[in-house]
Amino acid sequence: MSRVPPPRTYSSMRFATVLWDQQATLVGVVGDAIVHLGAASRALRGGRAGAKSTGALPTDMLGLVGGGPSGLRAAKAVLQAVAHCLSDGTWRTRPRNPVVRPLDRARFLSPIPRPPRNIFCVGRNYAEHAKERGADIPTVPVFFTKPPTAVIGHEAGVICWPAPQNLDYEAELAVVIGRRGRDIPRARAYEYVFGYTIMNDVTARDLQKKHTQWFKGKSLDTFAPLGPWIVHKSALPAPHALRIGLRVNGEPRQEATTGDMVFRIEELIEVLSAGMTLEPGDIIATGTPSGVGAGFVPPRWLKPGDVVEAEVEGIGILRNRIVAPRT
């Protein structure tokens, strides 16, 4: 089961995908509870909680992300009604409850279990990270991608495959696109954002060097942990004022703020969308700060048994263990 930290100041506008009775299910997060949005909506419509109908509700994360204002309003209304029912004791969280269950018993998948396209990533978007890798600070955004097959969720194992020996981590703020668009001006960029999550851009540095490009060394299965949930943009109105960091076995390795980005989110969206259509569910990972394993002398590579925690203020903690491949 997932070990999720206490909610602290995290937004109530959190949406996740979990295994609920062995089915991938869209849930909302209210305090220390996860809410089966579909089951809650049906219960509320049935009057068992004394609430009015909440209207049409998306059935999965892609439907919510790309469904526009009406789907989001329906999901928000469900969460507000459930929060009231939890506070007055109408509903209680139990492991087998059909509507609300304990957050710390959830088994998280990636918020979008299978992104519709490759994840767009930005290289060297923090100046100090570029310096620690011996690279120039870019004058234009540097893009590469990771495939959907690399995606895993919170608490899933990152496999230390036999081929790479130099396994590294990179904590990143990830932007989730919620609206189709091309040639998006930066002044309107946030109109196309649904929300934010966390990605660990796991990287095999030796493969990266061997193949003289980034794709192969960053694209092995399990090399794109995402999650634990998506926070809607309304709850994070200042995405460039967030602390971002990463710990390995509890030891701080990366510490920065998203304000240290070389290229801000609105510029990344403008440049990436120039002549190229962005789709709902597309993910843009915005780069990592300094402190990666390759930047230490000697380098500090990940190994099986290590626990890696990437954290972004206002979103939460994405935790994954490094594991050996199954034989």
Protein backbone atom coordinates (compact mmCIF):
# COMPACT_ATOMS: atom_id res chain seq x y z
CA MET A 1 0.00 0.00 0.00
CA SER A 2 1.03 3.61 -0.57
CA ARG A 3 2.69 5.65 2.14
CA VAL A 4 1.48 9.16 1.40
CA PRO A 5 2.56 12.07 3.62
CA PRO A 6 -0.05 14.01 5.60
CA PRO A 7 -2.00 16.51 3.48
CA ARG A 8 -0.39 19.57 5.12
CA THR A 9 -1.26 22.52 2.87
CA TYR A 10 -1.88 20.51 -0.28
CA SER A 11 -4.82 21.61 -2.39
CA SER A 12 -8.21 19.90 -2.27
CA MET A 13 -8.21 20.18 -6.08
CA ARG A 14 -6.17 16.99 -6.38
CA PHE A 15 -7.12 14.25 -8.81
CA ALA A 16 -5.47 10.85 -9.07
CA THR A 17 -5.81 7.46 -10.71
CA VAL A 18 -5.73 4.50 -8.33
CA LEU A 19 -6.43 0.80 -8.38
CA TRP A 20 -9.88 0.56 -6.80
CA ASP A 21 -11.07 -3.04 -6.53
CA GLN A 22 -8.43 -3.88 -9.16
CA GLN A 23 -9.79 -1.29 -11.62
CA ALA A 24 -8.02 1.89 -12.69
CA THR A 25 -10.29 4.57 -11.23
CA LEU A 26 -10.45 8.36 -11.24
CA VAL A 27 -10.49 9.69 -7.68
CA GLY A 28 -10.34 13.01 -5.92
CA VAL A 29 -8.41 13.63 -2.72
CA VAL A 30 -10.11 15.26 0.26
CA GLY A 31 -7.90 15.56 3.32
CA ASP A 32 -6.75 12.04 4.18
CA ALA A 33 -9.38 10.34 2.02
CA ILE A 34 -9.63 9.33 -1.60
CA VAL A 35 -13.04 9.70 -3.23
CA HIS A 36 -14.34 7.45 -5.98
CA LEU A 37 -15.80 10.26 -8.05
CA GLY A 38 -18.20 8.07 -10.04
CA ALA A 39 -19.54 6.22 -7.00
CA ALA A 40 -19.83 9.44 -5.01
CA SER A 41 -21.70 11.14 -7.82
CA ARG A 42 -24.17 8.25 -8.04
CA ALA A 43 -24.69 8.25 -4.28
CA LEU A 44 -25.24 12.00 -4.23
CA ARG A 45 -27.71 11.83 -7.10
CA GLY A 46 -29.54 9.07 -5.26
CA GLY A 47 -30.06 11.37 -2.32
CA ARG A 48 -28.29 9.16 0.17
CA ALA A 49 -26.16 12.11 1.22
CA GLY A 50 -28.85 14.72 0.88
CA ALA A 51 -27.23 16.45 -2.10
CA LYS A 52 -28.43 17.54 -5.49
CA SER A 53 -27.19 16.09 -8.76
CA THR A 54 -23.70 17.19 -9.65
CA GLY A 55 -24.15 16.83 -13.42
CA ALA A 56 -22.01 15.02 -15.98
CA LEU A 57 -18.76 13.63 -14.62
CA PRO A 58 -15.74 12.34 -16.57
CA THR A 59 -14.97 8.66 -16.07
CA ASP A 60 -11.17 8.84 -16.30
CA MET A 61 -8.32 11.31 -15.97
CA LEU A 62 -8.03 12.08 -19.67
CA GLY A 63 -11.74 12.81 -19.73
CA LEU A 64 -11.35 15.19 -16.82
CA VAL A 65 -8.24 16.88 -18.21
CA GLY A 66 -9.70 17.42 -21.66
CA GLY A 67 -13.35 17.71 -20.73
CA GLY A 68 -13.44 21.44 -20.26
CA PRO A 69 -15.10 23.51 -17.51
CA SER A 70 -18.27 21.42 -17.18
CA GLY A 71 -16.46 18.21 -16.20
CA LEU A 72 -14.24 20.07 -13.76
CA ARG A 73 -17.25 21.78 -12.18
CA ALA A 74 -18.93 18.40 -11.74
CA ALA A 75 -15.84 16.90 -10.11
CA LYS A 76 -15.40 19.92 -7.84
CA ALA A 77 -19.05 19.75 -6.78
CA VAL A 78 -18.66 16.08 -5.88
CA LEU A 79 -15.57 16.78 -3.78
CA GLN A 80 -17.25 19.67 -1.98
CA ALA A 81 -20.30 17.53 -1.18
CA VAL A 82 -18.12 14.63 0.00
CA ALA A 83 -16.06 16.96 2.19
CA HIS A 84 -19.30 18.06 3.87
CA CYS A 85 -20.43 14.44 4.31
CA LEU A 86 -17.10 13.53 5.88
CA SER A 87 -17.13 16.49 8.23
CA ASP A 88 -20.64 15.83 9.53
CA GLY A 89 -20.13 12.08 9.82
CA THR A 90 -22.55 11.05 7.06
CA TRP A 91 -19.71 9.11 5.41
CA ARG A 92 -16.64 7.58 7.00
CA THR A 93 -13.49 6.33 5.34
CA ARG A 94 -13.07 2.57 5.45
CA PRO A 95 -10.86 0.25 3.38
CA ARG A 96 -13.84 -1.33 1.59
CA ASN A 97 -16.11 1.71 1.46
CA PRO A 98 -17.55 2.04 -2.07
CA VAL A 99 -17.21 5.84 -1.99
CA VAL A 100 -14.41 7.03 0.34
CA ARG A 101 -11.31 5.17 1.46
CA PRO A 102 -8.18 6.04 3.45
CA LEU A 103 -5.52 7.87 1.46
CA ASP A 104 -2.74 5.81 3.01
CA ARG A 105 -4.31 2.60 1.70
CA ALA A 106 -4.41 3.74 -1.93
CA ARG A 107 -2.40 2.07 -4.66
CA PHE A 108 -1.55 4.87 -7.04
CA LEU A 109 -1.07 4.57 -10.76
CA SER A 110 0.36 7.38 -12.83
CA PRO A 111 -2.32 10.13 -12.88
CA ILE A 112 -2.58 9.48 -16.62
CA PRO A 113 -1.72 5.77 -16.69
CA ARG A 114 -0.88 5.81 -20.39
CA PRO A 115 -0.18 9.32 -21.71
CA PRO A 116 -1.47 9.65 -25.27
CA ARG A 117 1.92 10.74 -26.60
CA ASN A 118 5.56 10.99 -25.62
CA ILE A 119 6.28 13.22 -22.64
CA PHE A 120 7.90 16.49 -23.67
CA CYS A 121 10.96 17.24 -21.55
CA VAL A 122 13.19 20.29 -21.25
CA GLY A 123 16.93 19.94 -20.88
CA ARG A 124 19.20 22.25 -18.90
CA ASN A 125 16.35 24.54 -17.82
CA TYR A 126 18.06 25.39 -14.51
CA ALA A 127 21.33 27.27 -14.91
CA GLU A 128 23.11 25.56 -12.00
CA HIS A 129 22.22 22.13 -13.38
CA ALA A 130 23.67 23.09 -16.76
CA LYS A 131 26.86 24.21 -15.03
CA GLU A 132 27.21 21.02 -12.97
CA ARG A 133 26.95 19.00 -16.20
CA GLY A 134 29.62 21.15 -17.85
CA ALA A 135 27.18 22.56 -20.40
CA ASP A 136 26.35 26.04 -21.58
CA ILE A 137 23.12 27.65 -20.43
CA PRO A 138 20.83 27.34 -23.47
CA THR A 139 19.57 30.40 -25.29
CA VAL A 140 16.48 28.57 -26.57
CA PRO A 141 14.58 25.70 -24.91
CA VAL A 142 16.10 22.27 -25.50
CA PHE A 143 13.41 19.63 -25.96
CA PHE A 144 13.52 15.84 -25.92
CA THR A 145 10.92 13.17 -25.16
CA LYS A 146 10.28 10.11 -23.04
CA PRO A 147 7.86 7.41 -24.27
CA PRO A 148 4.57 6.47 -22.57
CA THR A 149 6.01 3.00 -21.88
CA ALA A 150 8.41 4.57 -19.36
CA VAL A 151 5.59 5.89 -17.16
CA ILE A 152 4.90 4.48 -13.69
CA GLY A 153 3.12 5.85 -10.61
CA HIS A 154 3.83 6.82 -7.03
CA GLU A 155 5.44 3.99 -5.00
CA ALA A 156 6.07 1.85 -8.10
CA GLY A 157 9.54 0.37 -8.52
CA VAL A 158 12.12 1.94 -10.82
CA ILE A 159 14.01 -0.94 -12.39
CA CYS A 160 17.80 -0.79 -12.38
CA TRP A 161 18.24 -2.62 -15.67
CA PRO A 162 21.46 -4.63 -16.29
CA ALA A 163 22.61 -2.45 -19.21
CA PRO A 164 22.94 0.94 -17.46
CA GLN A 165 25.33 1.22 -14.55
CA ASN A 166 25.07 4.96 -13.88
CA LEU A 167 21.46 5.44 -12.76
CA ASP A 168 20.50 9.00 -11.86
CA TYR A 169 17.49 11.05 -10.72
CA GLU A 170 15.98 14.41 -11.73
CA ALA A 171 13.06 16.01 -9.85
CA GLU A 172 10.83 18.08 -12.14
CA LEU A 173 7.62 20.08 -12.10
CA ALA A 174 5.41 18.67 -14.86
CA VAL A 175 2.72 20.66 -16.66
CA VAL A 176 -0.44 18.87 -17.84
CA ILE A 177 -2.02 20.36 -20.96
CA GLY A 178 -5.81 20.56 -20.83
CA ARG A 179 -6.78 22.13 -24.13
CA ARG A 180 -5.89 21.57 -27.77
CA GLY A 181 -3.87 24.37 -29.33
CA ARG A 182 -1.17 25.40 -31.76
CA ASP A 183 0.86 28.62 -32.03
CA ILE A 184 -0.09 29.54 -28.48
CA PRO A 185 1.18 33.00 -27.45
CA ARG A 186 2.79 33.12 -24.03
CA ALA A 187 0.22 35.64 -22.83
CA ARG A 188 -2.45 32.94 -23.20
CA ALA A 189 -0.36 29.91 -22.29
CA TYR A 190 -2.02 29.18 -18.96
CA GLU A 191 -5.40 28.96 -20.66
CA TYR A 192 -4.10 25.68 -22.08
CA VAL A 193 -2.83 24.29 -18.78
CA PHE A 194 -5.01 21.92 -16.75
CA GLY A 195 -2.70 21.46 -13.81
CA TYR A 196 0.60 20.23 -12.43
CA THR A 197 2.20 17.04 -11.20
CA ILE A 198 5.72 15.77 -10.41
CA MET A 199 8.06 13.71 -12.57
CA ASN A 200 11.34 12.03 -11.76
CA ASP A 201 13.29 12.06 -15.02
CA VAL A 202 15.25 8.88 -14.26
CA THR A 203 18.35 8.74 -16.45
CA ALA A 204 21.02 6.17 -17.30
CA ARG A 205 23.98 8.50 -17.73
CA ASP A 206 26.17 5.85 -19.34
CA LEU A 207 23.57 5.12 -22.02
CA GLN A 208 23.10 8.85 -22.50
CA LYS A 209 26.82 9.21 -23.16
CA LYS A 210 27.12 6.05 -25.26
CA HIS A 211 24.33 7.01 -27.66
CA THR A 212 25.36 10.71 -27.77
CA GLN A 213 21.75 11.83 -27.27
CA TRP A 214 19.21 11.80 -24.43
CA PHE A 215 16.31 9.65 -25.61
CA LYS A 216 17.64 6.12 -25.04
CA GLY A 217 19.19 6.77 -21.64
CA LYS A 218 15.98 8.36 -20.35
CA SER A 219 13.40 6.06 -21.92
CA LEU A 220 13.79 2.60 -20.43
CA ASP A 221 10.70 1.07 -18.85
CA THR A 222 9.92 2.65 -15.43
CA PHE A 223 12.14 5.69 -16.11
CA ALA A 224 9.27 8.21 -15.90
CA PRO A 225 7.62 8.12 -12.46
CA LEU A 226 4.68 10.58 -12.37
CA GLY A 227 2.35 11.62 -9.59
CA PRO A 228 1.07 11.07 -7.08
CA TRP A 229 -1.76 13.23 -8.45
CA ILE A 230 -2.52 16.25 -10.58
CA VAL A 231 -3.24 19.53 -8.81
CA HIS A 232 -5.53 21.81 -10.79
CA LYS A 233 -3.94 25.11 -11.85
CA SER A 234 -6.46 27.12 -9.82
CA ALA A 235 -4.80 25.82 -6.67
CA LEU A 236 -1.28 26.77 -7.84
CA PRO A 237 -1.62 30.28 -9.30
CA ALA A 238 2.11 30.99 -8.90
CA PRO A 239 3.89 27.93 -10.39
CA HIS A 240 7.21 29.78 -10.44
CA ALA A 241 7.28 30.28 -6.68
CA LEU A 242 7.41 26.66 -5.53
CA ARG A 243 10.15 24.84 -3.65
CA ILE A 244 11.38 21.79 -5.54
CA GLY A 245 13.71 19.13 -4.21
CA LEU A 246 14.68 15.50 -4.06
CA ARG A 247 15.92 13.13 -1.37
CA VAL A 248 17.64 9.76 -1.62
CA ASN A 249 17.12 7.60 1.46
CA GLY A 250 16.11 10.75 3.32
CA GLU A 251 19.26 12.69 2.35
CA PRO A 252 18.60 15.98 0.52
CA ARG A 253 20.22 16.02 -2.92
CA GLN A 254 18.32 18.70 -4.88
CA GLU A 255 16.97 21.96 -3.42
CA ALA A 256 15.78 24.93 -5.48
CA THR A 257 12.69 26.86 -6.48
CA THR A 258 10.80 26.78 -9.75
CA GLY A 259 11.60 30.46 -10.08
CA ASP A 260 15.14 29.37 -11.02
CA MET A 261 14.00 28.08 -14.42
CA VAL A 262 15.81 29.56 -17.40
CA PHE A 263 12.63 29.40 -19.51
CA ARG A 264 9.30 29.87 -17.76
CA ILE A 265 6.27 27.69 -18.42
CA GLU A 266 4.56 30.22 -20.67
CA GLU A 267 7.65 30.50 -22.87
CA LEU A 268 8.01 26.72 -23.08
CA ILE A 269 4.40 26.39 -24.23
CA GLU A 270 4.78 29.17 -26.77
CA VAL A 271 7.94 27.70 -28.29
CA LEU A 272 6.81 24.07 -28.20
CA SER A 273 3.42 24.82 -29.76
CA ALA A 274 4.84 26.89 -32.61
CA GLY A 275 3.67 24.98 -35.66
CA MET A 276 2.91 21.91 -33.51
CA THR A 277 -0.43 21.05 -31.95
CA LEU A 278 -0.57 20.29 -28.24
CA GLU A 279 -3.30 17.92 -27.10
CA PRO A 280 -5.15 17.42 -23.79
CA GLY A 281 -3.15 15.02 -21.67
CA ASP A 282 0.21 16.10 -23.07
CA ILE A 283 2.82 16.48 -20.34
CA ILE A 284 5.69 18.96 -20.31
CA ALA A 285 8.43 18.22 -17.76
CA THR A 286 10.11 21.54 -17.11
CA GLY A 287 13.66 20.54 -16.22
CA THR A 288 15.60 19.75 -13.07
CA PRO A 289 17.74 21.80 -10.67
CA SER A 290 21.32 21.04 -9.67
CA GLY A 291 22.22 18.23 -7.30
CA VAL A 292 21.89 15.22 -9.60
CA GLY A 293 24.03 12.19 -8.84
CA ALA A 294 26.29 12.86 -11.81
CA GLY A 295 27.20 16.24 -10.34
CA PHE A 296 28.96 14.83 -7.27
CA VAL A 297 32.66 13.93 -7.10
CA PRO A 298 32.69 10.99 -7.24
CA PRO A 299 29.23 10.52 -8.80
CA ARG A 300 26.52 9.11 -6.55
CA TRP A 301 24.51 6.67 -8.62
CA LEU A 302 21.27 5.04 -7.56
CA LYS A 303 21.23 1.35 -6.65
CA PRO A 304 18.58 -1.24 -5.80
CA GLY A 305 17.06 -0.54 -2.40
CA ASP A 306 17.39 3.24 -2.63
CA VAL A 307 14.22 5.25 -1.97
CA VAL A 308 13.89 8.41 -4.04
CA GLU A 309 11.47 11.18 -3.05
CA ALA A 310 10.84 14.07 -5.43
CA GLU A 311 8.85 16.90 -3.86
CA VAL A 312 7.23 20.04 -5.23
CA GLU A 313 5.61 22.51 -2.85
CA GLY A 314 1.84 22.58 -3.13
CA ILE A 315 1.71 19.25 -4.93
CA GLY A 316 3.26 16.64 -2.67
CA ILE A 317 5.84 13.88 -2.72
CA LEU A 318 6.48 11.35 -5.47
CA ARG A 319 8.20 8.34 -3.90
CA ASN A 320 9.77 5.39 -5.72
CA ARG A 321 12.15 2.60 -4.76
CA ILE A 322 14.95 1.42 -7.02
CA VAL A 323 14.56 -2.32 -7.63
CA ALA A 324 16.48 -5.05 -9.41
CA PRO A 325 14.84 -6.59 -12.48
CA ARG A 326 12.85 -9.73 -11.89
CA THR A 327 14.60 -12.91 -12.91
